[in-house]
N, C-alpha and C. Protein backbone atom coordinates (compact mmCIF):
# COMPACT_ATOMS: atom_id res chain seq x y z
N MET A 1 -15.20 -3.40 -2.94
CA MET A 1 -14.37 -4.44 -2.37
C MET A 1 -14.85 -4.84 -0.97
N ASP A 2 -15.44 -3.91 -0.23
CA ASP A 2 -15.96 -4.25 1.09
C ASP A 2 -17.08 -5.27 1.00
N LEU A 3 -17.88 -5.23 -0.05
CA LEU A 3 -18.96 -6.20 -0.21
C LEU A 3 -18.40 -7.61 -0.32
N ILE A 4 -17.32 -7.78 -1.05
CA ILE A 4 -16.69 -9.10 -1.18
C ILE A 4 -16.17 -9.57 0.18
N ARG A 5 -15.58 -8.66 0.94
CA ARG A 5 -15.07 -9.02 2.27
C ARG A 5 -16.20 -9.39 3.22
N ILE A 6 -17.31 -8.68 3.14
CA ILE A 6 -18.45 -8.99 4.01
C ILE A 6 -19.05 -10.34 3.64
N ILE A 7 -19.17 -10.62 2.36
CA ILE A 7 -19.67 -11.94 1.92
C ILE A 7 -18.72 -13.04 2.42
N ALA A 8 -17.42 -12.80 2.29
CA ALA A 8 -16.44 -13.78 2.78
C ALA A 8 -16.56 -13.95 4.29
N ALA A 9 -16.85 -12.85 5.01
CA ALA A 9 -16.99 -12.91 6.47
C ALA A 9 -18.21 -13.72 6.88
N VAL A 10 -19.27 -13.67 6.10
CA VAL A 10 -20.47 -14.45 6.43
C VAL A 10 -20.23 -15.93 6.16
N ILE A 11 -19.52 -16.23 5.08
CA ILE A 11 -19.25 -17.64 4.74
C ILE A 11 -18.18 -18.22 5.66
N LEU A 12 -17.08 -17.50 5.82
CA LEU A 12 -15.96 -17.95 6.65
C LEU A 12 -15.35 -16.72 7.33
N PRO A 13 -15.76 -16.42 8.55
CA PRO A 13 -15.37 -15.17 9.21
C PRO A 13 -13.87 -14.87 9.24
N PRO A 14 -12.98 -15.83 9.54
CA PRO A 14 -11.55 -15.48 9.54
C PRO A 14 -11.04 -15.04 8.16
N LEU A 15 -11.63 -15.54 7.10
CA LEU A 15 -11.21 -15.12 5.77
C LEU A 15 -11.50 -13.64 5.54
N GLY A 16 -12.67 -13.19 5.96
CA GLY A 16 -13.00 -11.77 5.82
C GLY A 16 -12.04 -10.89 6.60
N VAL A 17 -11.68 -11.31 7.81
CA VAL A 17 -10.74 -10.54 8.63
C VAL A 17 -9.35 -10.57 8.00
N PHE A 18 -8.93 -11.73 7.51
CA PHE A 18 -7.62 -11.83 6.86
C PHE A 18 -7.53 -10.91 5.65
N LEU A 19 -8.57 -10.88 4.83
CA LEU A 19 -8.56 -10.01 3.66
C LEU A 19 -8.52 -8.54 4.05
N GLN A 20 -9.00 -8.22 5.23
CA GLN A 20 -9.04 -6.83 5.69
C GLN A 20 -7.74 -6.39 6.36
N VAL A 21 -7.23 -7.18 7.30
CA VAL A 21 -6.09 -6.74 8.11
C VAL A 21 -4.90 -7.69 8.08
N GLY A 22 -5.00 -8.83 7.43
CA GLY A 22 -3.89 -9.77 7.39
C GLY A 22 -3.80 -10.61 8.66
N PHE A 23 -2.59 -11.19 8.86
CA PHE A 23 -2.37 -12.04 10.04
C PHE A 23 -1.99 -11.15 11.22
N GLY A 24 -2.96 -10.72 11.96
CA GLY A 24 -2.71 -9.89 13.14
C GLY A 24 -3.53 -10.40 14.31
N LYS A 25 -3.59 -9.59 15.34
CA LYS A 25 -4.32 -10.01 16.54
C LYS A 25 -5.80 -10.19 16.26
N HIS A 26 -6.36 -9.36 15.37
CA HIS A 26 -7.78 -9.48 15.06
C HIS A 26 -8.09 -10.78 14.32
N PHE A 27 -7.17 -11.24 13.48
CA PHE A 27 -7.35 -12.51 12.78
C PHE A 27 -7.43 -13.67 13.77
N TRP A 28 -6.47 -13.71 14.71
CA TRP A 28 -6.43 -14.81 15.67
C TRP A 28 -7.60 -14.74 16.65
N LEU A 29 -7.99 -13.52 17.03
CA LEU A 29 -9.17 -13.37 17.88
C LEU A 29 -10.42 -13.87 17.16
N ASN A 30 -10.49 -13.60 15.86
CA ASN A 30 -11.66 -14.04 15.11
C ASN A 30 -11.69 -15.56 14.98
N ILE A 31 -10.56 -16.18 14.83
CA ILE A 31 -10.53 -17.65 14.79
C ILE A 31 -11.05 -18.21 16.11
N LEU A 32 -10.61 -17.63 17.23
CA LEU A 32 -11.08 -18.07 18.54
C LEU A 32 -12.59 -17.87 18.67
N LEU A 33 -13.09 -16.70 18.28
CA LEU A 33 -14.52 -16.43 18.37
C LEU A 33 -15.32 -17.37 17.47
N THR A 34 -14.80 -17.67 16.29
CA THR A 34 -15.50 -18.57 15.38
C THR A 34 -15.54 -19.99 15.94
N LEU A 35 -14.46 -20.41 16.58
CA LEU A 35 -14.46 -21.74 17.20
C LEU A 35 -15.42 -21.82 18.38
N LEU A 36 -15.55 -20.73 19.12
CA LEU A 36 -16.47 -20.72 20.26
C LEU A 36 -17.92 -20.59 19.84
N GLY A 37 -18.14 -19.95 18.70
CA GLY A 37 -19.50 -19.78 18.19
C GLY A 37 -19.44 -19.06 16.85
N TYR A 38 -20.14 -19.58 15.90
CA TYR A 38 -20.08 -19.04 14.53
C TYR A 38 -20.57 -17.59 14.46
N ILE A 39 -21.66 -17.29 15.15
CA ILE A 39 -22.25 -15.94 15.11
C ILE A 39 -21.30 -14.89 15.69
N PRO A 40 -20.66 -15.12 16.85
CA PRO A 40 -19.70 -14.12 17.33
C PRO A 40 -18.56 -13.86 16.34
N GLY A 41 -18.14 -14.90 15.63
CA GLY A 41 -17.10 -14.72 14.61
C GLY A 41 -17.57 -13.84 13.47
N ILE A 42 -18.81 -14.03 13.04
CA ILE A 42 -19.36 -13.19 11.97
C ILE A 42 -19.48 -11.75 12.42
N VAL A 43 -20.01 -11.54 13.62
CA VAL A 43 -20.19 -10.17 14.14
C VAL A 43 -18.84 -9.47 14.24
N HIS A 44 -17.84 -10.15 14.77
CA HIS A 44 -16.51 -9.55 14.90
C HIS A 44 -15.92 -9.24 13.52
N ALA A 45 -16.06 -10.15 12.57
CA ALA A 45 -15.50 -9.94 11.24
C ALA A 45 -16.14 -8.74 10.55
N VAL A 46 -17.45 -8.65 10.61
CA VAL A 46 -18.14 -7.51 9.97
C VAL A 46 -17.75 -6.22 10.68
N TRP A 47 -17.61 -6.25 11.99
CA TRP A 47 -17.20 -5.06 12.74
C TRP A 47 -15.80 -4.61 12.32
N ILE A 48 -14.87 -5.55 12.18
CA ILE A 48 -13.51 -5.22 11.75
C ILE A 48 -13.52 -4.63 10.35
N ILE A 49 -14.29 -5.22 9.45
CA ILE A 49 -14.35 -4.72 8.08
C ILE A 49 -14.92 -3.31 8.04
N ALA A 50 -15.95 -3.06 8.84
CA ALA A 50 -16.59 -1.74 8.83
C ALA A 50 -15.74 -0.68 9.53
N ARG A 51 -14.98 -1.05 10.55
CA ARG A 51 -14.27 -0.06 11.37
C ARG A 51 -12.82 0.21 10.96
N THR A 52 -12.21 -0.65 10.16
CA THR A 52 -10.81 -0.47 9.81
C THR A 52 -10.67 0.66 8.79
N PRO A 53 -9.86 1.68 9.11
CA PRO A 53 -9.66 2.78 8.16
C PRO A 53 -8.96 2.30 6.89
N GLU A 54 -9.15 3.02 5.82
CA GLU A 54 -8.61 2.65 4.51
C GLU A 54 -7.09 2.47 4.54
N GLU A 55 -6.35 3.30 5.27
CA GLU A 55 -4.89 3.23 5.26
C GLU A 55 -4.34 2.02 6.00
N ARG A 56 -5.13 1.36 6.85
CA ARG A 56 -4.66 0.18 7.57
C ARG A 56 -4.99 -1.11 6.86
N ARG A 57 -5.71 -1.05 5.78
CA ARG A 57 -6.11 -2.27 5.07
C ARG A 57 -4.94 -2.86 4.30
N VAL A 58 -4.97 -4.18 4.17
CA VAL A 58 -3.92 -4.89 3.45
C VAL A 58 -4.19 -4.81 1.97
């Protein structure tokens, strides 16, 4: 399932974060980063997907 989230994060970074943690502070931060620059949004999304423990996932 992480592979699908990472692919979603590369195509549309906020989608990958949403699938991982839902509508939280990381989602809104990722939208801001994506608007400021596509690459920072991707890096943040992949970082959130890789670092979020299994019990915190939506």
